[in-house]
Protein backbone atom coordinates (compact mmCIF):
# COMPACT_ATOMS: atom_id res chain seq x y z
CA MET A 1 0.03 -0.03 0.00
CA ARG A 2 2.83 2.34 0.92
CA ALA A 3 4.58 1.56 -2.36
CA ASN A 4 1.41 2.42 -4.33
CA ALA A 5 0.98 5.71 -2.49
CA LEU A 6 4.53 6.67 -3.20
CA LEU A 7 4.01 5.87 -6.88
CA LEU A 8 0.85 8.01 -6.93
CA LEU A 9 2.51 10.82 -5.27
CA SER A 10 5.48 10.76 -7.77
CA ALA A 11 3.04 10.74 -10.65
CA THR A 12 1.24 13.73 -9.29
CA LEU A 13 4.46 15.70 -8.84
CA VAL A 14 5.73 14.86 -12.28
CA ALA A 15 2.39 15.99 -13.73
CA ALA A 16 2.62 19.28 -11.93
CA CYS A 17 6.16 19.83 -12.99
CA THR A 18 5.35 19.11 -16.60
CA THR A 19 2.16 21.13 -16.83
CA VAL A 20 2.59 24.36 -18.95
CA GLN A 21 1.64 27.35 -16.85
CA PRO A 22 0.25 30.34 -18.71
CA LEU A 23 2.66 33.20 -19.03
CA VAL A 24 1.75 36.45 -17.23
CA GLU A 25 2.60 39.63 -19.06
CA VAL A 26 4.66 42.03 -16.97
CA SER A 27 4.76 45.70 -17.94
CA PRO A 28 6.83 47.81 -15.48
CA SER A 29 6.40 51.46 -15.66
CA LEU A 30 9.53 53.28 -16.64
CA THR A 31 8.75 56.01 -14.35
CA THR A 32 9.17 53.67 -11.38
CA LEU A 33 12.90 53.18 -12.17
CA PRO A 34 15.27 55.08 -10.00
CA THR A 35 16.22 58.50 -11.29
CA PRO A 36 19.96 59.21 -11.92
CA SER A 37 21.90 60.03 -8.72
CA GLY A 38 21.39 63.59 -7.68
CA ALA A 39 18.59 64.32 -10.08
CA THR A 40 15.97 66.67 -8.75
CA VAL A 41 13.18 68.92 -9.93
CA ALA A 42 14.89 72.33 -10.27
CA PRO A 43 13.47 75.58 -9.12
CA ARG A 44 12.68 78.02 -11.79
CA LEU A 45 14.93 81.10 -11.82
CA ALA A 46 12.61 84.02 -11.69
CA GLY A 47 13.37 86.72 -14.13
CA ALA A 48 16.00 84.69 -15.90
CA ALA A 49 16.70 86.41 -19.35
CA ALA A 50 19.16 86.31 -22.22
CA GLU A 51 22.32 88.21 -21.33
CA ASN A 52 23.68 91.18 -23.35
CA CYS A 53 27.13 92.27 -22.29
CA ASP A 54 30.75 92.27 -23.62
CA ALA A 55 32.02 89.25 -21.78
CA THR A 56 33.34 87.60 -24.98
CA ALA A 57 36.00 90.32 -25.42
CA SER A 58 39.25 89.21 -23.95
CA LEU A 59 42.76 90.56 -23.51
CA ARG A 60 45.05 90.88 -26.54
CA PRO A 61 47.40 87.89 -26.97
CA SER A 62 51.01 88.00 -25.91
CA THR A 63 53.82 85.44 -26.16
CA GLU A 64 55.73 87.40 -23.40
CA ALA A 65 55.84 85.10 -20.26
CA GLY A 66 54.75 86.84 -17.14
CA PRO A 67 54.87 85.41 -13.57
CA THR A 68 52.06 83.02 -13.86
CA VAL A 69 53.38 81.40 -17.01
CA GLU A 70 56.94 81.34 -15.64
CA ALA A 71 55.64 79.39 -12.56
CA ILE A 72 53.86 76.80 -14.77
CA ARG A 73 56.99 76.38 -16.91
CA ARG A 74 59.12 75.82 -13.80
CA ARG A 75 56.57 73.26 -12.56
CA GLY A 76 56.85 71.58 -16.04
CA ARG A 77 53.11 70.80 -16.64
CA LEU A 78 49.85 72.55 -17.24
CA ILE A 79 47.02 71.74 -14.79
CA VAL A 80 43.73 71.60 -16.69
CA GLY A 81 40.27 71.22 -15.29
CA LEU A 82 37.62 69.35 -17.32
CA ASP A 83 35.12 66.48 -16.93
CA GLN A 84 34.95 62.90 -18.40
CA ASN A 85 31.28 62.84 -19.15
CA THR A 86 31.00 65.12 -22.29
CA ASN A 87 31.10 62.96 -25.38
CA LEU A 88 32.99 64.43 -28.22
CA PHE A 89 34.59 67.19 -25.94
CA SER A 90 35.98 65.26 -22.97
CA PHE A 91 35.28 61.69 -22.28
CA ARG A 92 36.96 58.45 -21.25
CA ASP A 93 38.02 55.89 -24.04
CA PRO A 94 36.31 52.71 -22.80
CA VAL A 95 39.35 50.64 -23.85
CA SER A 96 42.28 52.66 -22.83
CA ALA A 97 40.54 54.78 -20.15
CA ASP A 98 42.49 57.80 -21.56
CA LEU A 99 40.67 61.17 -21.93
CA HIS A 100 39.89 62.24 -25.46
CA GLY A 101 37.80 64.82 -27.29
CA PHE A 102 37.88 68.39 -28.73
CA ASP A 103 38.47 70.14 -25.42
CA VAL A 104 41.13 67.66 -24.41
CA ASP A 105 42.98 68.34 -27.69
CA ILE A 106 42.55 72.14 -27.20
CA ALA A 107 44.08 71.83 -23.80
CA ARG A 108 46.95 69.76 -25.28
CA GLU A 109 47.68 72.47 -27.89
CA ILE A 110 47.68 75.17 -25.12
CA ALA A 111 50.19 73.07 -23.23
CA ARG A 112 52.38 72.76 -26.37
CA ASP A 113 52.76 76.51 -26.33
CA VAL A 114 52.91 77.18 -22.54
CA VAL A 115 55.31 74.29 -21.39
CA GLY A 116 56.56 73.10 -24.92
CA ASP A 117 54.99 69.62 -24.87
CA PRO A 118 51.31 68.63 -25.48
CA ASP A 119 51.71 65.65 -23.15
CA LYS A 120 52.71 67.75 -20.18
CA VAL A 121 49.17 68.10 -18.97
CA GLU A 122 47.71 67.12 -15.61
CA TYR A 123 43.96 66.72 -15.89
CA ARG A 124 41.75 67.27 -12.84
CA LEU A 125 38.09 66.21 -13.13
CA LEU A 126 35.57 68.81 -12.11
CA THR A 127 31.77 69.00 -12.12
CA SER A 128 30.16 72.10 -13.58
CA ALA A 129 29.66 73.50 -9.98
CA GLU A 130 33.31 73.05 -9.19
CA ARG A 131 34.83 74.89 -12.20
CA ILE A 132 34.91 78.44 -10.92
CA ASP A 133 36.00 77.41 -7.33
CA ALA A 134 38.94 75.43 -8.92
CA LEU A 135 40.14 78.50 -10.70
CA THR A 136 39.64 81.07 -7.93
CA SER A 137 41.42 78.76 -5.31
CA GLU A 138 44.21 78.07 -7.93
CA ASN A 139 43.71 74.34 -7.87
CA VAL A 140 43.77 74.34 -11.72
CA ASP A 141 45.60 76.66 -14.13
CA ILE A 142 42.80 76.65 -16.75
CA VAL A 143 39.38 75.20 -17.30
CA VAL A 144 38.66 73.72 -20.72
CA ASN A 145 35.23 72.18 -20.33
CA ALA A 146 32.62 73.46 -22.81
CA MET A 147 32.16 76.43 -20.53
CA THR A 148 29.93 79.19 -21.79
CA ILE A 149 31.17 82.71 -21.45
CA THR A 150 28.47 84.66 -19.33
CA CYS A 151 28.35 88.06 -17.69
CA ALA A 152 27.92 86.55 -14.26
CA ARG A 153 30.92 84.27 -14.65
CA ALA A 154 33.04 86.99 -16.09
CA GLU A 155 32.67 88.77 -12.84
CA GLU A 156 34.34 85.84 -11.00
CA ILE A 157 36.94 84.47 -13.53
CA ALA A 158 38.65 85.63 -16.70
CA PHE A 159 37.90 84.11 -20.07
CA SER A 160 39.98 83.54 -23.21
CA THR A 161 38.55 84.58 -26.60
CA VAL A 162 35.75 82.29 -27.87
CA TYR A 163 37.14 79.09 -29.10
CA PHE A 164 33.92 77.35 -30.08
CA GLU A 165 30.41 78.56 -30.83
CA ALA A 166 27.47 76.32 -29.95
CA ASP A 167 23.71 76.88 -29.64
CA GLN A 168 21.45 75.51 -26.94
CA ARG A 169 18.78 73.32 -28.56
CA LEU A 170 16.52 70.21 -27.72
CA LEU A 171 17.23 66.48 -27.85
CA VAL A 172 14.22 64.19 -27.92
CA PRO A 173 13.14 60.68 -29.04
CA LYS A 174 12.54 60.44 -32.80
CA ASN A 175 8.90 59.55 -32.12
CA SER A 176 8.37 62.56 -29.89
CA PRO A 177 5.84 65.31 -30.91
CA VAL A 178 8.24 67.94 -29.50
CA GLN A 179 9.66 70.03 -32.28
CA GLY A 180 10.55 73.19 -30.43
CA PRO A 181 10.12 75.10 -27.14
CA ASP A 182 6.45 75.75 -27.93
CA ASP A 183 5.77 72.07 -27.54
CA LEU A 184 7.26 71.74 -23.96
CA ALA A 185 4.21 72.78 -21.91
CA GLY A 186 3.49 70.04 -19.38
CA MET A 187 6.72 68.19 -20.45
CA THR A 188 9.76 67.45 -18.35
CA VAL A 189 13.09 68.84 -19.62
CA CYS A 190 16.35 67.62 -18.40
CA ALA A 191 19.34 69.80 -18.09
CA GLN A 192 22.60 70.06 -16.02
CA VAL A 193 22.59 72.07 -12.76
CA ASP A 194 24.98 74.99 -12.46
CA THR A 195 24.85 75.57 -16.21
CA THR A 196 23.08 78.22 -18.14
CA SER A 197 20.84 75.64 -19.85
CA LEU A 198 18.21 75.26 -16.83
CA ALA A 199 17.59 79.12 -16.84
CA THR A 200 17.20 79.20 -20.59
CA VAL A 201 14.63 76.50 -20.65
CA GLY A 202 12.78 78.13 -17.78
CA ARG A 203 12.66 81.32 -19.92
CA VAL A 204 11.54 79.85 -23.21
CA ALA A 205 9.26 77.13 -21.79
CA PRO A 206 7.78 78.47 -18.49
CA ALA A 207 5.10 75.61 -18.39
CA ALA A 208 7.75 72.90 -18.49
CA THR A 209 9.00 70.95 -15.45
CA LEU A 210 12.75 71.24 -15.09
CA LEU A 211 14.74 68.13 -14.06
CA GLY A 212 18.34 69.04 -12.84
CA VAL A 213 21.08 66.49 -12.96
CA GLN A 214 24.68 66.39 -12.19
CA ASN A 215 26.08 65.28 -15.61
CA MET A 216 24.39 65.43 -19.12
CA ASP A 217 24.95 61.61 -19.29
CA ASP A 218 22.17 61.52 -16.62
CA CYS A 219 19.85 63.26 -19.02
CA LEU A 220 20.54 60.46 -21.52
CA VAL A 221 19.56 58.00 -18.89
CA ALA A 222 16.47 59.86 -17.94
CA LEU A 223 15.39 60.10 -21.62
CA GLN A 224 15.89 56.32 -22.09
CA GLN A 225 14.01 55.56 -18.92
CA GLY A 226 10.98 57.85 -19.84
CA GLN A 227 11.68 60.23 -16.94
CA ALA A 228 12.23 63.17 -19.19
CA ASP A 229 10.63 64.19 -22.49
CA ALA A 230 13.46 66.26 -23.68
CA ALA A 231 17.07 67.28 -22.74
CA SER A 232 18.44 70.67 -23.35
CA THR A 233 22.02 71.86 -23.54
CA ASP A 234 24.44 72.99 -26.29
CA ASP A 235 23.91 71.31 -29.67
CA ALA A 236 27.49 70.03 -29.74
CA ILE A 237 27.00 68.11 -26.52
CA LEU A 238 23.57 66.96 -27.50
CA ALA A 239 25.19 65.63 -30.74
CA GLY A 240 27.48 63.43 -28.64
CA MET A 241 24.47 62.05 -26.81
CA ALA A 242 22.70 61.32 -30.12
CA VAL A 243 25.70 59.37 -31.24
CA GLN A 244 25.33 57.11 -28.12
CA ASP A 245 21.66 56.55 -28.85
CA PRO A 246 20.48 56.76 -32.52
CA ASN A 247 16.82 56.76 -31.31
CA LEU A 248 17.38 60.42 -30.23
CA HIS A 249 17.75 63.53 -32.45
CA ILE A 250 18.26 67.28 -32.20
CA VAL A 251 15.17 69.44 -32.88
CA GLY A 252 14.07 73.07 -32.85
CA PRO A 253 15.77 76.45 -33.34
CA SER A 254 18.53 77.91 -31.15
CA LEU A 255 17.32 78.77 -27.73
CA GLU A 256 20.47 80.66 -26.84
CA ALA A 257 23.98 81.24 -28.24
CA GLU A 258 26.65 79.45 -26.27
CA PRO A 259 30.08 80.84 -26.82
CA TYR A 260 32.90 78.57 -25.13
CA GLY A 261 35.93 80.09 -23.57
CA VAL A 262 38.90 78.91 -21.63
CA GLY A 263 38.47 79.82 -17.89
CA VAL A 264 41.47 81.46 -16.12
CA ASN A 265 41.93 82.94 -12.61
CA LYS A 266 40.95 86.57 -12.93
CA SER A 267 44.21 87.85 -11.46
CA GLN A 268 46.38 85.94 -13.96
CA GLU A 269 46.28 88.29 -16.90
CA ASP A 270 49.52 86.99 -18.30
CA LEU A 271 48.09 83.49 -18.58
CA VAL A 272 44.94 84.88 -20.28
CA ARG A 273 47.21 86.56 -22.96
CA THR A 274 49.35 83.46 -23.43
CA VAL A 275 46.23 81.23 -23.77
CA ASN A 276 44.84 83.67 -26.39
CA ALA A 277 48.14 83.67 -28.19
CA SER A 278 47.88 79.83 -28.40
CA LEU A 279 44.25 80.11 -29.70
CA GLU A 280 45.44 82.51 -32.30
CA ARG A 281 47.99 80.01 -33.53
CA ILE A 282 45.38 77.19 -33.38
CA ARG A 283 43.05 79.23 -35.65
CA ARG A 284 45.75 80.35 -38.07
CA ASP A 285 47.80 77.09 -38.76
CA GLY A 286 44.67 74.91 -39.43
CA THR A 287 44.79 73.07 -36.12
CA TRP A 288 41.30 74.26 -35.17
CA LEU A 289 39.75 72.78 -38.45
CA ALA A 290 41.56 69.61 -38.11
CA LEU A 291 40.31 69.13 -34.55
CA HIS A 292 36.73 69.97 -35.55
CA ARG A 293 36.90 67.50 -38.38
CA LYS A 294 38.42 64.91 -36.04
CA TRP A 295 35.76 65.13 -33.27
CA LEU A 296 32.85 67.26 -34.56
CA SER A 297 32.08 66.03 -37.93
CA VAL A 298 28.68 64.92 -36.76
CA LEU A 299 27.70 68.56 -36.66
CA GLY A 300 28.31 68.98 -40.38
CA PRO A 301 31.18 70.63 -42.33
CA ALA A 302 33.72 72.45 -40.24
CA PRO A 303 33.01 76.20 -40.13
CA ASP A 304 35.57 78.92 -39.90
CA PRO A 305 36.99 79.23 -36.37
CA PRO A 306 35.29 81.83 -34.22
CA GLU A 307 36.71 85.32 -34.76
CA PRO A 308 38.43 86.62 -31.66
CA LYS A 309 37.36 89.83 -29.97
CA TYR A 310 39.68 91.97 -27.86
CA ARG A 311 39.00 94.75 -25.37
CA ASP A 312 42.50 96.41 -25.20
């Protein structure tokens, strides 16, 4: 009897294990996924408006070494602040882990003229919020980090002449109805904190929700997870994000002009003039065009380098 019972139990278990159970469809909501670290709904900057000042005018170039440049040459290396999260401008190669990009090569060319060797560069990684403090505290010699020249920033630090001209635009999924700022009402727009981008979006799309993140890579994640409807920053940076995800594209008109300058401590005028002399050489000898073709061909044919503007 016991043997029969065991046989019956075994048959029951086998039948249960071999019975095909119906599949249950699981559809998790993307909005329940964790947001990128540090992401938060950003406060709107009341009264934010486009600037209109002469901050892009810099000091006339000079190859005569002053005290700051002499100190850098004695040290034997140029200390440059940048980040590692801006594809096409400054990013880590996934194989070699070396820093590459347009800004990295601009910094190398400046080092070539300042210390005589493009390899004599010490890179220090900074967030956007750390850039000005790093210069005022003299933790870095220069910042080359897709840094827009603004009136407010020019009160705290000095800038070189403009070495790249970008425009703030929108990055959206290819199936998005958003084609410009007029379509952003009720939408969530991602941008990096401590940049000009958030204030601009708040001005041109007052009915949008602003999602502030620590790095623009976080905006890429937020778009992919459905936590943002659009991302907004300089078109050159957005192009680097679109390269990483072909389901995204850049749309709409320019929301704001974004002239990039090399940041320098405000008291180090000789270094500003030396950097401007290096940028003059880079524009004149074809280096700028070569670097644009190398890194930024996704933006289209290389334009002429930005014309320098001087105030003395």
